[in-house]
Amino acid sequence: MKESAPGLGADARSQIAVMPDNPTDNSEPLPASRIIPGPAHLRQYPAHDLVAWQPQGVMDDQLLDEIAEWLCSIDKASPPSKRFVDLSRLTMVAVRTSHVFEFARKRAEQFAGVTPVKSALFSEDWVGFGIARMYEDLMRGTPIDARAFRDRVTAAIWLNVPAEILNLEDKPAPPL
């Protein structure tokens, strides 16, 4: 405890709460993530039943096909009920619109009858956000509840996870 407050009796002084030296220091560690098999920059937050992925480089038809393969394999194994895809590290979006339609159709077919999932797609870039919105519209009426977001905090609220984990800044543990 720091120095006692003047003018207070000994009993009152011993009950004064002391503020931390740095009240904005939130030194509580971020929730633990771990790397899981799949594309690069993929991590899982087991405590929140969340898988997060941050693709990097060019979003093209080939990358979309890789995403489809990974999603199909994870859906068969043990699908998380929440997913977060951060498109902020894409350098270019060069995917054909028809390929997005085909991707969505296949996802709806592959996912039929499976427990519903929430998929948050984040992009600050208008083109990436437009692709995410298109996917959101194409997934309507399927067990995949996809939503496009331009704000991580809003996505975190929708997913019911701590907002700071959607920054994807923690150092993930190696795969099991």
Protein backbone atom coordinates (compact mmCIF):
# COMPACT_ATOMS: atom_id res chain seq x y z
CA MET A 1 0.00 0.00 0.00
CA LYS A 2 1.21 3.52 -0.72
CA GLU A 3 1.45 6.25 1.92
CA SER A 4 -1.64 6.65 4.08
CA ALA A 5 -4.19 9.33 3.33
CA PRO A 6 -3.94 12.37 5.63
CA GLY A 7 -6.84 13.02 7.98
CA LEU A 8 -8.06 9.42 8.13
CA GLY A 9 -7.91 7.20 11.18
CA ALA A 10 -5.67 4.14 11.20
CA ASP A 11 -8.59 1.78 10.45
CA ALA A 12 -9.75 3.75 7.41
CA ARG A 13 -6.20 4.11 6.10
CA SER A 14 -5.65 0.37 6.10
CA GLN A 15 -8.71 -0.14 3.86
CA ILE A 16 -7.80 2.28 1.06
CA ALA A 17 -7.53 0.56 -2.31
CA VAL A 18 -4.42 1.46 -4.24
CA MET A 19 -4.60 1.94 -7.99
CA PRO A 20 -2.04 0.03 -10.03
CA ASP A 21 0.93 2.03 -11.26
CA ASN A 22 -0.37 1.75 -14.82
CA PRO A 23 -4.19 1.39 -14.82
CA THR A 24 -4.26 0.88 -18.61
CA ASP A 25 -1.83 -2.02 -18.42
CA ASN A 26 -3.92 -5.03 -19.30
CA SER A 27 -1.19 -7.59 -18.80
CA GLU A 28 -3.63 -10.49 -18.86
CA PRO A 29 -2.39 -12.77 -21.65
CA LEU A 30 -4.40 -13.19 -24.80
CA PRO A 31 -6.35 -16.44 -25.09
CA ALA A 32 -4.05 -19.22 -26.26
CA SER A 33 -4.17 -20.26 -29.89
CA ARG A 34 -2.44 -23.13 -31.59
CA ILE A 35 -1.47 -23.83 -35.16
CA ILE A 36 -3.62 -26.48 -36.82
CA PRO A 37 -3.04 -28.39 -40.06
CA GLY A 38 -4.25 -26.57 -43.14
CA PRO A 39 -3.26 -23.46 -45.03
CA ALA A 40 -0.60 -21.09 -43.69
CA HIS A 41 -1.67 -18.59 -41.01
CA LEU A 42 -4.39 -20.84 -39.63
CA ARG A 43 -4.95 -21.06 -35.88
CA GLN A 44 -7.45 -22.41 -33.42
CA TYR A 45 -8.67 -20.91 -30.14
CA PRO A 46 -10.01 -24.04 -28.39
CA ALA A 47 -11.36 -22.10 -25.39
CA HIS A 48 -13.69 -20.20 -27.76
CA ASP A 49 -14.45 -22.98 -30.27
CA LEU A 50 -12.97 -20.67 -32.93
CA VAL A 51 -10.78 -21.26 -35.94
CA ALA A 52 -9.19 -18.13 -37.39
CA TRP A 53 -7.40 -17.76 -40.68
CA GLN A 54 -5.58 -14.83 -42.23
CA PRO A 55 -4.83 -15.62 -45.88
CA GLN A 56 -2.04 -13.57 -47.39
CA GLY A 57 -1.12 -12.62 -50.93
CA VAL A 58 -3.53 -12.93 -53.85
CA MET A 59 -7.09 -14.23 -53.45
CA ASP A 60 -7.59 -16.06 -56.71
CA ASP A 61 -9.52 -19.11 -57.89
CA GLN A 62 -6.69 -21.42 -56.79
CA LEU A 63 -6.66 -20.03 -53.24
CA LEU A 64 -10.44 -20.33 -53.08
CA ASP A 65 -10.12 -24.00 -54.09
CA GLU A 66 -7.53 -24.55 -51.32
CA ILE A 67 -9.94 -22.98 -48.82
CA ALA A 68 -12.70 -25.32 -50.01
CA GLU A 69 -10.46 -28.39 -49.56
CA TRP A 70 -9.41 -27.30 -46.08
CA LEU A 71 -12.98 -26.52 -45.01
CA CYS A 72 -14.23 -29.86 -46.28
CA SER A 73 -11.55 -31.75 -44.32
CA ILE A 74 -12.10 -29.80 -41.08
CA ASP A 75 -15.89 -30.20 -41.37
CA LYS A 76 -15.45 -33.99 -41.53
CA ALA A 77 -13.04 -34.11 -38.57
CA SER A 78 -14.42 -31.89 -35.82
CA PRO A 79 -15.95 -28.68 -37.07
CA PRO A 80 -15.60 -25.64 -34.85
CA SER A 81 -18.85 -23.77 -34.43
CA LYS A 82 -17.19 -20.39 -35.07
CA ARG A 83 -14.85 -19.28 -37.83
CA PHE A 84 -13.11 -16.00 -38.53
CA VAL A 85 -11.44 -15.19 -41.85
CA ASP A 86 -9.38 -11.99 -41.88
CA LEU A 87 -8.91 -10.79 -45.46
CA SER A 88 -6.85 -7.74 -44.43
CA ARG A 89 -3.52 -9.28 -45.52
CA LEU A 90 -4.59 -9.91 -49.10
CA THR A 91 -2.56 -7.89 -51.59
CA MET A 92 -5.01 -8.44 -54.44
CA VAL A 93 -8.38 -10.02 -55.12
CA ALA A 94 -8.43 -11.72 -58.53
CA VAL A 95 -11.16 -14.28 -58.08
CA ARG A 96 -13.80 -14.72 -60.76
CA THR A 97 -17.37 -14.04 -59.63
CA SER A 98 -18.51 -17.32 -61.18
CA HIS A 99 -15.91 -19.14 -59.06
CA VAL A 100 -17.33 -17.57 -55.88
CA PHE A 101 -20.81 -18.81 -56.90
CA GLU A 102 -19.42 -22.31 -57.54
CA PHE A 103 -17.52 -22.28 -54.23
CA ALA A 104 -20.69 -21.28 -52.33
CA ARG A 105 -22.78 -23.95 -54.09
CA LYS A 106 -20.26 -26.67 -53.22
CA ARG A 107 -20.02 -25.49 -49.61
CA ALA A 108 -23.80 -25.60 -49.23
CA GLU A 109 -23.90 -29.14 -50.66
CA GLN A 110 -20.97 -30.41 -48.57
CA PHE A 111 -22.33 -28.90 -45.38
CA ALA A 112 -25.92 -30.14 -45.70
CA GLY A 113 -27.22 -31.70 -42.49
CA VAL A 114 -24.21 -30.71 -40.40
CA THR A 115 -24.43 -28.66 -37.19
CA PRO A 116 -24.69 -24.94 -38.06
CA VAL A 117 -21.57 -22.77 -37.90
CA LYS A 118 -20.93 -19.04 -37.75
CA SER A 119 -18.40 -17.70 -40.25
CA ALA A 120 -17.28 -14.08 -39.85
CA LEU A 121 -15.46 -12.64 -42.86
CA PHE A 122 -13.51 -9.45 -42.16
CA SER A 123 -12.16 -6.97 -44.69
CA GLU A 124 -11.51 -3.24 -44.53
CA ASP A 125 -10.90 -3.23 -48.29
CA TRP A 126 -14.06 -2.66 -50.35
CA VAL A 127 -13.30 -5.39 -52.90
CA GLY A 128 -12.63 -8.01 -50.22
CA PHE A 129 -15.70 -6.87 -48.33
CA GLY A 130 -17.76 -7.14 -51.53
CA ILE A 131 -16.65 -10.76 -52.02
CA ALA A 132 -17.47 -11.47 -48.36
CA ARG A 133 -20.94 -9.92 -48.75
CA MET A 134 -21.55 -11.96 -51.88
CA TYR A 135 -20.63 -15.14 -49.96
CA GLU A 136 -22.89 -14.06 -47.08
CA ASP A 137 -25.83 -13.70 -49.49
CA LEU A 138 -25.09 -17.02 -51.21
CA MET A 139 -25.00 -18.88 -47.87
CA ARG A 140 -28.44 -17.66 -46.76
CA GLY A 141 -30.70 -20.60 -45.93
CA THR A 142 -27.79 -23.00 -45.32
CA PRO A 143 -26.28 -24.19 -42.01
CA ILE A 144 -23.36 -21.81 -42.71
CA ASP A 145 -24.28 -18.48 -41.11
CA ALA A 146 -21.77 -16.27 -42.93
CA ARG A 147 -21.50 -12.56 -42.22
CA ALA A 148 -19.25 -9.89 -43.71
CA PHE A 149 -17.70 -7.30 -41.39
CA ARG A 150 -15.62 -4.15 -41.81
CA ASP A 151 -15.01 -3.92 -38.05
CA ARG A 152 -13.32 -6.58 -35.89
CA VAL A 153 -15.13 -5.57 -32.69
CA THR A 154 -18.54 -6.06 -34.30
CA ALA A 155 -17.39 -9.45 -35.62
CA ALA A 156 -16.21 -10.42 -32.12
CA ILE A 157 -19.57 -9.49 -30.62
CA TRP A 158 -21.38 -11.54 -33.26
CA LEU A 159 -19.06 -14.53 -32.66
CA ASN A 160 -19.22 -14.04 -28.88
CA VAL A 161 -15.43 -14.03 -28.48
CA PRO A 162 -13.03 -11.46 -26.94
CA ALA A 163 -12.36 -8.73 -29.50
CA GLU A 164 -8.58 -8.77 -28.97
CA ILE A 165 -8.18 -12.31 -30.28
CA LEU A 166 -9.51 -11.27 -33.70
CA ASN A 167 -6.40 -9.11 -34.12
CA LEU A 168 -4.55 -12.44 -34.52
CA GLU A 169 -1.47 -11.01 -32.78
CA ASP A 170 -0.81 -13.78 -30.26
CA LYS A 171 1.96 -16.29 -30.86
CA PRO A 172 0.24 -19.62 -31.55
CA ALA A 173 1.50 -22.82 -29.99
CA PRO A 174 2.72 -25.53 -32.36
CA PRO A 175 0.22 -28.18 -33.50
CA LEU A 176 -0.51 -31.08 -31.17
